[in-house]
C-alpha cells in the first residue's frame, strides 16, 4: 500500500476521520497477513515509511503507525503519506 491519507473530511469530525484511517490501515495489514506464506518463510513482515509526502517519508516500524497518526492529528496536519509493503519474515532464535 502506497497512499496519501486525509485527516480531514467535510462530513466527519477529525477524531472519526483519524479512526477511519487507522481502521483502513489495520484492514490492509490483516488482509496481507492472511495470505499464505511461501515455503521457507515463517510469517509476513512489513516495511513501512511515513511522512508528509513521498520525498520526506521516514522508515518506521509497523507498531509505530498508530502513534504517528495520533501525533499528526495533534499537530492538525491535513494529509500524510504511508507506505506499507509486505516482505517475507524469518524467526530468529533468542540467545539465553
N, C-alpha and C. Protein backbone atom coordinates (compact mmCIF):
# COMPACT_ATOMS: atom_id res chain seq x y z
N UNK A 1 0.84 -1.15 0.00
CA UNK A 1 0.00 0.00 0.00
C UNK A 1 0.90 1.23 0.00
N UNK A 2 0.73 2.06 -0.97
CA UNK A 2 1.41 3.34 -1.04
C UNK A 2 0.30 4.36 -1.25
N UNK A 3 0.04 5.16 -0.21
CA UNK A 3 -1.14 6.00 -0.28
C UNK A 3 -0.98 7.25 0.57
N UNK A 4 -1.60 8.33 0.12
CA UNK A 4 -1.72 9.55 0.92
C UNK A 4 -3.10 9.56 1.56
N UNK A 5 -3.14 9.82 2.85
CA UNK A 5 -4.39 9.81 3.59
C UNK A 5 -4.74 11.23 4.02
N UNK A 6 -6.04 11.53 4.06
CA UNK A 6 -6.54 12.80 4.56
C UNK A 6 -6.98 12.63 6.00
N UNK A 7 -6.58 13.54 6.86
CA UNK A 7 -7.02 13.52 8.25
C UNK A 7 -8.19 14.48 8.46
N UNK A 8 -8.64 15.09 7.39
CA UNK A 8 -9.82 15.96 7.47
C UNK A 8 -10.82 15.49 6.43
N UNK A 9 -12.08 15.57 6.79
CA UNK A 9 -13.16 15.23 5.86
C UNK A 9 -14.32 16.17 6.14
N UNK A 10 -15.04 16.59 5.12
CA UNK A 10 -16.12 17.55 5.33
C UNK A 10 -17.29 17.00 6.16
N UNK A 11 -17.51 15.71 6.12
CA UNK A 11 -18.66 15.14 6.81
C UNK A 11 -18.31 14.39 8.10
N UNK A 12 -17.05 14.47 8.56
CA UNK A 12 -16.63 13.76 9.76
C UNK A 12 -15.83 14.69 10.67
N UNK A 13 -15.91 14.40 11.95
CA UNK A 13 -15.03 15.11 12.88
C UNK A 13 -13.61 14.58 12.70
N UNK A 14 -12.61 15.36 13.07
CA UNK A 14 -11.22 14.90 12.90
C UNK A 14 -10.94 13.59 13.64
N UNK A 15 -11.55 13.39 14.81
CA UNK A 15 -11.33 12.16 15.56
C UNK A 15 -11.87 10.94 14.82
N UNK A 16 -13.05 11.07 14.23
CA UNK A 16 -13.64 9.95 13.48
C UNK A 16 -12.87 9.68 12.20
N UNK A 17 -12.37 10.72 11.56
CA UNK A 17 -11.58 10.54 10.34
C UNK A 17 -10.27 9.83 10.68
N UNK A 18 -9.67 10.19 11.81
CA UNK A 18 -8.44 9.53 12.25
C UNK A 18 -8.70 8.05 12.51
N UNK A 19 -9.80 7.75 13.18
CA UNK A 19 -10.16 6.35 13.43
C UNK A 19 -10.42 5.60 12.13
N UNK A 20 -11.04 6.26 11.16
CA UNK A 20 -11.32 5.65 9.87
C UNK A 20 -10.03 5.29 9.13
N UNK A 21 -9.06 6.19 9.18
CA UNK A 21 -7.77 5.94 8.53
C UNK A 21 -7.05 4.77 9.21
N UNK A 22 -7.04 4.76 10.54
CA UNK A 22 -6.39 3.66 11.27
C UNK A 22 -7.05 2.33 10.93
N UNK A 23 -8.38 2.33 10.82
CA UNK A 23 -9.10 1.10 10.51
C UNK A 23 -8.75 0.60 9.11
N UNK A 24 -8.65 1.50 8.14
CA UNK A 24 -8.29 1.11 6.78
C UNK A 24 -6.90 0.48 6.73
N UNK A 25 -5.96 1.05 7.47
CA UNK A 25 -4.60 0.52 7.51
C UNK A 25 -4.58 -0.85 8.18
N UNK A 26 -5.31 -0.97 9.29
CA UNK A 26 -5.37 -2.25 10.00
C UNK A 26 -5.99 -3.34 9.12
N UNK A 27 -7.03 -2.99 8.36
CA UNK A 27 -7.65 -3.96 7.45
C UNK A 27 -6.65 -4.43 6.41
N UNK A 28 -5.85 -3.52 5.86
CA UNK A 28 -4.87 -3.89 4.85
C UNK A 28 -3.83 -4.84 5.43
N UNK A 29 -3.30 -4.50 6.61
CA UNK A 29 -2.27 -5.34 7.23
C UNK A 29 -2.82 -6.72 7.56
N UNK A 30 -4.04 -6.78 8.08
CA UNK A 30 -4.67 -8.07 8.40
C UNK A 30 -4.88 -8.89 7.14
N UNK A 31 -5.30 -8.26 6.06
CA UNK A 31 -5.52 -8.96 4.80
C UNK A 31 -4.22 -9.53 4.27
N UNK A 32 -3.14 -8.77 4.36
CA UNK A 32 -1.84 -9.26 3.90
C UNK A 32 -1.34 -10.41 4.76
N UNK A 33 -1.59 -10.36 6.06
CA UNK A 33 -1.12 -11.43 6.96
C UNK A 33 -1.88 -12.73 6.73
N UNK A 34 -3.10 -12.66 6.21
CA UNK A 34 -3.87 -13.88 5.95
C UNK A 34 -3.41 -14.62 4.70
N UNK A 35 -2.69 -13.97 3.83
CA UNK A 35 -2.21 -14.63 2.62
C UNK A 35 -1.26 -15.75 3.01
N UNK A 36 -1.28 -16.81 2.23
CA UNK A 36 -0.41 -17.95 2.54
C UNK A 36 1.05 -17.56 2.32
N UNK A 37 1.90 -18.03 3.23
CA UNK A 37 3.32 -17.71 3.14
C UNK A 37 4.03 -18.73 2.27
N UNK A 38 5.04 -18.31 1.52
CA UNK A 38 5.80 -19.24 0.69
C UNK A 38 6.60 -20.21 1.56
N UNK A 39 7.14 -21.22 0.93
CA UNK A 39 7.98 -22.19 1.64
C UNK A 39 9.21 -21.47 2.19
N UNK A 40 9.70 -21.93 3.32
CA UNK A 40 10.87 -21.39 4.00
C UNK A 40 10.66 -19.97 4.54
N UNK A 41 9.40 -19.58 4.70
CA UNK A 41 9.08 -18.27 5.28
C UNK A 41 8.20 -18.52 6.50
N UNK A 42 8.50 -17.82 7.61
CA UNK A 42 7.76 -18.03 8.85
C UNK A 42 6.51 -17.16 8.96
N UNK A 43 6.58 -15.93 8.48
CA UNK A 43 5.45 -15.01 8.61
C UNK A 43 5.65 -13.85 7.64
N UNK A 44 4.63 -13.02 7.50
CA UNK A 44 4.74 -11.81 6.68
C UNK A 44 5.20 -10.67 7.58
N UNK A 45 6.27 -10.02 7.19
CA UNK A 45 6.79 -8.85 7.88
C UNK A 45 6.45 -7.64 6.99
N UNK A 46 6.64 -6.43 7.51
CA UNK A 46 6.26 -5.24 6.74
C UNK A 46 7.36 -4.19 6.80
N UNK A 47 7.63 -3.59 5.65
CA UNK A 47 8.49 -2.40 5.56
C UNK A 47 7.56 -1.21 5.52
N UNK A 48 7.77 -0.24 6.40
CA UNK A 48 6.88 0.91 6.50
C UNK A 48 7.66 2.21 6.39
N UNK A 49 7.07 3.17 5.70
CA UNK A 49 7.59 4.52 5.61
C UNK A 49 6.41 5.47 5.83
N UNK A 50 6.67 6.57 6.53
CA UNK A 50 5.60 7.51 6.81
C UNK A 50 6.18 8.91 6.83
N UNK A 51 5.42 9.88 6.28
CA UNK A 51 5.86 11.26 6.28
C UNK A 51 4.81 12.17 5.69
N UNK A 52 5.18 13.43 5.54
CA UNK A 52 4.25 14.40 4.96
C UNK A 52 3.98 14.13 3.49
N UNK A 53 5.00 13.64 2.77
CA UNK A 53 4.84 13.27 1.38
C UNK A 53 5.85 12.18 1.04
N UNK A 54 5.88 11.76 -0.22
CA UNK A 54 6.73 10.65 -0.63
C UNK A 54 8.21 10.96 -0.39
N UNK A 55 8.64 12.17 -0.70
CA UNK A 55 10.05 12.52 -0.59
C UNK A 55 10.52 12.58 0.87
N UNK A 56 9.63 12.94 1.78
CA UNK A 56 10.01 13.12 3.18
C UNK A 56 9.62 11.93 4.06
N UNK A 57 9.29 10.81 3.47
CA UNK A 57 8.88 9.64 4.26
C UNK A 57 10.08 9.00 4.93
N UNK A 58 9.92 8.73 6.23
CA UNK A 58 10.98 8.10 7.02
C UNK A 58 10.57 6.67 7.35
N UNK A 59 11.56 5.81 7.50
CA UNK A 59 11.31 4.41 7.84
C UNK A 59 10.83 4.31 9.28
N UNK A 60 9.74 3.57 9.50
CA UNK A 60 9.21 3.35 10.84
C UNK A 60 8.88 1.87 10.98
N UNK A 61 8.65 1.43 12.20
CA UNK A 61 8.21 0.06 12.47
C UNK A 61 6.69 0.03 12.37
N UNK A 62 6.15 -1.11 11.99
CA UNK A 62 4.71 -1.23 11.81
C UNK A 62 3.94 -0.92 13.09
N UNK A 63 4.52 -1.17 14.24
CA UNK A 63 3.84 -0.90 15.51
C UNK A 63 3.77 0.59 15.83
N UNK A 64 4.50 1.43 15.12
CA UNK A 64 4.52 2.86 15.38
C UNK A 64 3.54 3.65 14.53
N UNK A 65 2.81 2.97 13.65
CA UNK A 65 1.91 3.67 12.72
C UNK A 65 0.84 4.45 13.47
N UNK A 66 0.13 3.81 14.40
CA UNK A 66 -0.95 4.50 15.10
C UNK A 66 -0.44 5.65 15.95
N UNK A 67 0.71 5.49 16.59
CA UNK A 67 1.29 6.57 17.39
C UNK A 67 1.60 7.78 16.51
N UNK A 68 2.14 7.53 15.34
CA UNK A 68 2.48 8.62 14.43
C UNK A 68 1.23 9.29 13.88
N UNK A 69 0.18 8.53 13.62
CA UNK A 69 -1.07 9.13 13.14
C UNK A 69 -1.66 10.02 14.23
N UNK A 70 -1.62 9.56 15.48
CA UNK A 70 -2.11 10.38 16.59
C UNK A 70 -1.30 11.67 16.71
N UNK A 71 0.01 11.58 16.55
CA UNK A 71 0.85 12.77 16.64
C UNK A 71 0.53 13.75 15.52
N UNK A 72 0.28 13.24 14.32
CA UNK A 72 -0.10 14.12 13.20
C UNK A 72 -1.45 14.78 13.44
N UNK A 73 -2.37 14.06 14.06
CA UNK A 73 -3.68 14.61 14.36
C UNK A 73 -3.57 15.73 15.39
N UNK A 74 -2.69 15.56 16.38
CA UNK A 74 -2.48 16.59 17.39
C UNK A 74 -1.88 17.84 16.75
N UNK A 75 -0.99 17.64 15.78
CA UNK A 75 -0.38 18.76 15.05
C UNK A 75 -1.33 19.38 14.05
N UNK A 76 -2.50 18.78 13.88
CA UNK A 76 -3.55 19.23 12.95
C UNK A 76 -3.08 19.24 11.50
N UNK A 77 -2.32 18.22 11.14
CA UNK A 77 -1.92 18.04 9.74
C UNK A 77 -3.15 17.59 8.95
N UNK A 78 -3.21 17.96 7.69
CA UNK A 78 -4.35 17.58 6.87
C UNK A 78 -4.13 16.27 6.14
N UNK A 79 -2.90 16.02 5.69
CA UNK A 79 -2.61 14.79 4.95
C UNK A 79 -1.27 14.21 5.41
N UNK A 80 -1.09 12.92 5.10
CA UNK A 80 0.20 12.27 5.31
C UNK A 80 0.32 11.13 4.32
N UNK A 81 1.54 10.68 4.10
CA UNK A 81 1.84 9.59 3.18
C UNK A 81 2.26 8.37 3.99
N UNK A 82 1.74 7.21 3.61
CA UNK A 82 2.11 5.96 4.27
C UNK A 82 2.39 4.91 3.22
N UNK A 83 3.48 4.18 3.43
CA UNK A 83 3.86 3.08 2.55
C UNK A 83 4.04 1.85 3.43
N UNK A 84 3.26 0.81 3.15
CA UNK A 84 3.36 -0.46 3.87
C UNK A 84 3.51 -1.56 2.83
N UNK A 85 4.66 -2.22 2.84
CA UNK A 85 4.94 -3.28 1.87
C UNK A 85 5.24 -4.57 2.61
N UNK A 86 4.56 -5.65 2.22
CA UNK A 86 4.78 -6.96 2.84
C UNK A 86 6.08 -7.57 2.32
N UNK A 87 6.78 -8.25 3.22
CA UNK A 87 8.01 -8.96 2.85
C UNK A 87 8.07 -10.24 3.66
N UNK A 88 8.80 -11.26 3.20
CA UNK A 88 8.92 -12.49 3.97
C UNK A 88 9.69 -12.26 5.26
N UNK A 89 9.21 -12.86 6.33
CA UNK A 89 9.87 -12.74 7.62
C UNK A 89 10.37 -14.08 8.11
N UNK A 90 11.50 -14.06 8.78
CA UNK A 90 12.09 -15.29 9.31
C UNK A 90 12.33 -15.12 10.80
N UNK A 91 11.94 -16.11 11.58
CA UNK A 91 12.13 -16.06 13.02
C UNK A 91 13.60 -16.28 13.34
N UNK A 92 14.07 -15.60 14.37
CA UNK A 92 15.43 -15.79 14.82
C UNK A 92 15.39 -16.34 16.24
N UNK A 93 16.37 -17.16 16.58
CA UNK A 93 16.47 -17.72 17.91
C UNK A 93 17.03 -16.68 18.87
N UNK A 94 16.40 -16.55 20.03
CA UNK A 94 16.90 -15.63 21.03
C UNK A 94 17.96 -16.33 21.86
N UNK A 95 19.04 -15.63 22.13
CA UNK A 95 20.08 -16.19 22.96
C UNK A 95 19.69 -16.02 24.41
N UNK A 96 19.92 -17.07 25.19
CA UNK A 96 19.54 -17.03 26.61
C UNK A 96 20.70 -16.70 27.49
